[in-house]
Amino acid sequence: MRDPNLTGYTPKATPGVTPVDTQEVTSRVVTCDGGGGALGHPGVSLRIEDKQVTCPYCSRTFILQDGAGGGDHH
């Protein structure tokens, strides 16, 4: 059964439109809550299909580090 917390949505950053807020990660599945607290957004899990994924709420872009993320898929 598919994890209901994964959105299945893999947006890409758009130069000149998406704010420059990037974070390097070592896993293909990342969770974003916009920083939490009153200024955050609902927590979402995002899957990095290629090299990056952008949060649909806050536009933070998660970039997979070179050589990372190879062992966490089925």
C-alpha atoms as a PDB file:
ATOM      1  CA  MET A   1       0.000   0.000   0.000  1.00  0.00           C
ATOM      2  CA  ARG A   2       1.257   3.456  -0.850  1.00  0.00           C
ATOM      3  CA  ASP A   3       2.217   5.768   2.004  1.00  0.00           C
ATOM      4  CA  PRO A   4      -0.659   8.308   2.294  1.00  0.00           C
ATOM      5  CA  ASN A   5       1.807  10.991   3.449  1.00  0.00           C
ATOM      6  CA  LEU A   6       3.672  10.940   0.126  1.00  0.00           C
ATOM      7  CA  THR A   7       2.186  13.428  -2.271  1.00  0.00           C
ATOM      8  CA  GLY A   8       3.328  11.855  -5.529  1.00  0.00           C
ATOM      9  CA  TYR A   9       3.888  15.429  -6.688  1.00  0.00           C
ATOM     10  CA  THR A  10       7.408  16.230  -7.869  1.00  0.00           C
ATOM     11  CA  PRO A  11       7.534  19.900  -8.885  1.00  0.00           C
ATOM     12  CA  LYS A  12      10.712  21.460 -10.211  1.00  0.00           C
ATOM     13  CA  ALA A  13      12.182  24.809  -9.267  1.00  0.00           C
ATOM     14  CA  THR A  14      11.528  27.500 -11.884  1.00  0.00           C
ATOM     15  CA  PRO A  15      14.364  30.043 -12.264  1.00  0.00           C
ATOM     16  CA  GLY A  16      13.179  33.597 -11.617  1.00  0.00           C
ATOM     17  CA  VAL A  17       9.947  32.376 -10.004  1.00  0.00           C
ATOM     18  CA  THR A  18      10.827  29.928  -7.231  1.00  0.00           C
ATOM     19  CA  PRO A  19      12.574  31.553  -4.238  1.00  0.00           C
ATOM     20  CA  VAL A  20      16.147  30.426  -3.738  1.00  0.00           C
ATOM     21  CA  ASP A  21      15.829  28.285  -0.622  1.00  0.00           C
ATOM     22  CA  THR A  22      17.670  25.008  -1.035  1.00  0.00           C
ATOM     23  CA  GLN A  23      18.659  22.228   1.295  1.00  0.00           C
ATOM     24  CA  GLU A  24      20.944  19.291   0.476  1.00  0.00           C
ATOM     25  CA  VAL A  25      19.644  15.937   1.701  1.00  0.00           C
ATOM     26  CA  THR A  26      20.847  12.320   1.748  1.00  0.00           C
ATOM     27  CA  SER A  27      17.471  10.568   1.425  1.00  0.00           C
ATOM     28  CA  ARG A  28      15.018  10.403  -1.488  1.00  0.00           C
ATOM     29  CA  VAL A  29      12.073  10.966   0.879  1.00  0.00           C
ATOM     30  CA  VAL A  30      12.050  14.297   2.715  1.00  0.00           C
ATOM     31  CA  THR A  31       9.539  15.961   5.027  1.00  0.00           C
ATOM     32  CA  CYS A  32       8.821  19.684   4.911  1.00  0.00           C
ATOM     33  CA  ASP A  33       6.717  21.763   7.307  1.00  0.00           C
ATOM     34  CA  GLY A  34       7.946  25.182   6.202  1.00  0.00           C
ATOM     35  CA  GLY A  35       9.939  25.654   9.374  1.00  0.00           C
ATOM     36  CA  GLY A  36       7.109  24.797  11.749  1.00  0.00           C
ATOM     37  CA  GLY A  37       5.385  27.044  14.209  1.00  0.00           C
ATOM     38  CA  ALA A  38       2.903  29.731  13.241  1.00  0.00           C
ATOM     39  CA  LEU A  39       4.771  30.509  10.012  1.00  0.00           C
ATOM     40  CA  GLY A  40       4.941  26.911   8.821  1.00  0.00           C
ATOM     41  CA  HIS A  41       2.543  24.782   6.779  1.00  0.00           C
ATOM     42  CA  PRO A  42       1.116  21.258   7.111  1.00  0.00           C
ATOM     43  CA  GLY A  43       3.871  18.653   7.084  1.00  0.00           C
ATOM     44  CA  VAL A  44       4.242  16.876   3.747  1.00  0.00           C
ATOM     45  CA  SER A  45       6.500  14.063   2.620  1.00  0.00           C
ATOM     46  CA  LEU A  46       8.043  14.492  -0.811  1.00  0.00           C
ATOM     47  CA  ARG A  47       9.897  11.936  -2.931  1.00  0.00           C
ATOM     48  CA  ILE A  48      12.927  12.973  -4.970  1.00  0.00           C
ATOM     49  CA  GLU A  49      12.559  11.142  -8.287  1.00  0.00           C
ATOM     50  CA  ASP A  50      15.679  12.479 -10.015  1.00  0.00           C
ATOM     51  CA  LYS A  51      17.924  15.028  -8.262  1.00  0.00           C
ATOM     52  CA  GLN A  52      15.545  17.518  -6.615  1.00  0.00           C
ATOM     53  CA  VAL A  53      12.014  18.233  -5.460  1.00  0.00           C
ATOM     54  CA  THR A  54      10.357  21.548  -4.555  1.00  0.00           C
ATOM     55  CA  CYS A  55       7.791  21.860  -1.760  1.00  0.00           C
ATOM     56  CA  PRO A  56       4.425  22.927  -3.216  1.00  0.00           C
ATOM     57  CA  TYR A  57       3.663  25.011  -0.098  1.00  0.00           C
ATOM     58  CA  CYS A  58       6.819  27.030   0.605  1.00  0.00           C
ATOM     59  CA  SER A  59       8.947  26.451  -2.533  1.00  0.00           C
ATOM     60  CA  ARG A  60      11.927  25.120  -0.551  1.00  0.00           C
ATOM     61  CA  THR A  61      13.953  22.942  -2.918  1.00  0.00           C
ATOM     62  CA  PHE A  62      15.534  19.746  -1.623  1.00  0.00           C
ATOM     63  CA  ILE A  63      18.574  18.597  -3.607  1.00  0.00           C
ATOM     64  CA  LEU A  64      19.857  15.028  -3.348  1.00  0.00           C
ATOM     65  CA  GLN A  65      23.585  14.941  -2.558  1.00  0.00           C
ATOM     66  CA  ASP A  66      25.801  13.147  -5.085  1.00  0.00           C
ATOM     67  CA  GLY A  67      25.997   9.441  -4.317  1.00  0.00           C
ATOM     68  CA  ALA A  68      23.108   9.573  -1.824  1.00  0.00           C
ATOM     69  CA  GLY A  69      19.642   8.082  -1.838  1.00  0.00           C
ATOM     70  CA  GLY A  70      20.393   4.830  -3.607  1.00  0.00           C
ATOM     71  CA  GLY A  71      19.181   2.461  -0.911  1.00  0.00           C
ATOM     72  CA  ASP A  72      15.799   3.764   0.187  1.00  0.00           C
ATOM     73  CA  HIS A  73      13.529   2.559  -2.608  1.00  0.00           C
ATOM     74  CA  HIS A  74      11.779  -0.785  -3.028  1.00  0.00           C
END
